[in-house]
């Protein structure tokens, strides 16, 4: 027989007397309200405000909650309005002691700190609704058991930027998730994490309102296959309320969030007074929580309401708002696509968007990637939306590399290769390759790449350890500014530093091969170019104009101490240098910089042969020789032009000129010299035919609006793919070089919650498919840049295993 509420109250008072403490008035009031509800044959829920309890109330409260599961109480809500005076350990104990009837948890995690959040994320909770806010964590990794939870709110988690690979593994009933105004931006890792939520039907990264009726509801029609009632553009989910009736509208029709009872002015003051986390060293795997929750009519106990987060007047001018037009105009779909009926466009106002909402084709990508989703950003997903999303996804994204349509296991690929002698593998996979000749070994390797890359959306990413001792008593941390892979040695890389040093490193073993100090002759090293016929030699150029030829074979290693007499060849300086490049025969090299001129040098004689003046109208940031033609070179300038030149003709007039819409940051040839890849300011990346400069492909990467967002792009896997990154963004985009379709984005973050990173430079590994390195710089002054190694064919689990092995090896090397 269930324990009645009167008995619970009597036992609670008795426990207080045994402890020698006064019964907490707030708990007595909560029991009284539950008793009144029971008398009126309504669902009776015990609502405990953590603001009203202290550590002295802990023991009696524990005894009360231990009996809740066997009592008449239907559920327990544990809420917080402002400050909590109970210790973290006590609050966690109270949350975990309720096994069956914990209903709603709404707490301010800023009151408890990392320990509280980590405990919840790893152990889980039995609640149905979870709402936490004001977190300072950046990565979400909820791996605990949340077996009963159906609604999770993470809104306004302004530090939350990513999800760990193991996140969301134990939430089988989660149906509603809100992530408004976070820092989440990566379509691939986000959709991969959300795909684990098999019951998820409503998702929100922003609040979408009808522009024609901002104050009212936006009428939407339900999809033909919907099993849930859809009205006013939002999901009408069911949750028991304190009144014993069903509760609808987890996400309100007006696009804002209906929250737990809280005084409006108090909360606004609290929202603006929350300090940012002062620590920059947080690397925890559990991240931010939302600042509000939005359950309509959850309380009817004469409590104040807060049904809107901002006023309609202020909403229209909110800095976090944007106006978006969702047009069901499918005339933009290519003529090869199946026809879809046209519907008149509807305008929506979007408020509090996360960065992911600004990604091109964001809505179509999410709809195509999450087939069980019924509502996205308050807007219902109809059958026509799903059909269109599939088409747009197929035209703009690659599900797997090399246009593979279905995932294959590594075992099946190996088995197919063993059967290739009978022609089975070739007949099944034969197609014309993008770059290499159509031989079976390329088909096999590409199938392996597709299988490995498709197995995880989280690539292996770790910083290259490039610290070392330049002498017995001198140990330093390098500050890389430019780097290049070696053209013939797969393990070798060279980087130049902001201090004028040139360091050759084995990037596999992370051991320094040779070290060339500045010795006062160089400033920041901006240009590096290996010789091909003489693989131990390279040209290095600095921003003060210094140009030198070094032989790393004759340069001492770190163990030999600081060298003072380094063999090198000096060339005539080129003022304000930004770029150097050696031709294919190792006879000549070019230099460009903050001028309209380009200088030509003879490598063997050490002489400057000629200076070509006024080649552009503005300065020439990058100059590149062709990979196979020693006399052809291309220049890219901030005057928006790319020009092709031939040394066999007097380079007064270019072979041809082609243009970008904005200033060009760089240009490079494809490995076979068939194409030119030009990168202009703010993600304008285009591919031209090298023979005549005709536009072959515009990659259509979304711009940020910044005139200082300098973009750099290079080829990967021969000329199969293009990698692109910009100096205002912490993302590298990977696109197919033949179709322009996006394969993957790689997002990286700084070491602290208040520290952001950006792409300063990048290169693909010429020996390993889907491998690259990124020179990532911190926005915080005084922070060192670092080279990040990326392997898309290995998952982040490999990263953790690698780190564990590395830590074990360090421990083994310590001591006797």
Foldseek 3Di string as FASTA:
>chain_A
DAAELVNLVVQLCVQCVVLVHGRQPLQVVQSVQLNVLVVVVFQREREAEQQRDAQSSQPSVLVSLLRVVRHSHQAYAYEYFAEGHYALVSVVVSQASNAAHHEYYAEECVNHPDVNQVCCQAAPGQYQEYFYADWLFAAAARQHANQNHAYFFAEPQQLHAAYDQNHPQHHARHAEYEYFQYQHAFLLRVLNRCQNHLNHAYYEQWFKAFPVCLPFAQAADFAPPDPFDDGSLAGFDWDQARRRDTWTPQPDRSRFAWFDFYDLVVLVVVVVPSDHDPDFFDDDNRGGGHDGGHTPPRDDPPTDTDHGNDDPVVQVVDPQKDWDKDAQACPPQDPVDDDDDGDGTTTIIIGRGHNNVVFPLSVLSSCQSHVNYQHYNSHGQYPSSPSSSVRVCLQFAQLFPPNDDDADAPVVLVVLVVVCVVVPNCVVQFDAGDPDGRDVVVSSVRNLRRNLLNVDQFWQKDFQDQWDALEPPRTDDFFFQDKDQQPPDLQWIWTWGQAGKIWIARSVVSFTQAIAGRLVPAGGWQEKEAADVLRQWIWIAHQQFWIKIARRVQGDGSHVHHDDDGDIQTADGDHRWRYKYAFQNRQWMWTFHFFQKIWIAGVPVRYTDDIGHNVDPGGWNYKYYQNPDRFWIWTFFQVFKIFIDGNVDPPPDTPAIDGDPGGWNYWDAQNVRQWIWTWHAFGFIWIAGNVYGHTQDTLPGDGDPDRQFGKDKDAFPRNQWMWMFTFVFQKIWIAGNRSSHTHGIDGDADSGSPKGKGFSDKDYSHPDGQKIKTFIDIPDPPDGTTIMITHSSHRCVVNVVVVVVVVVVVVVPDDD
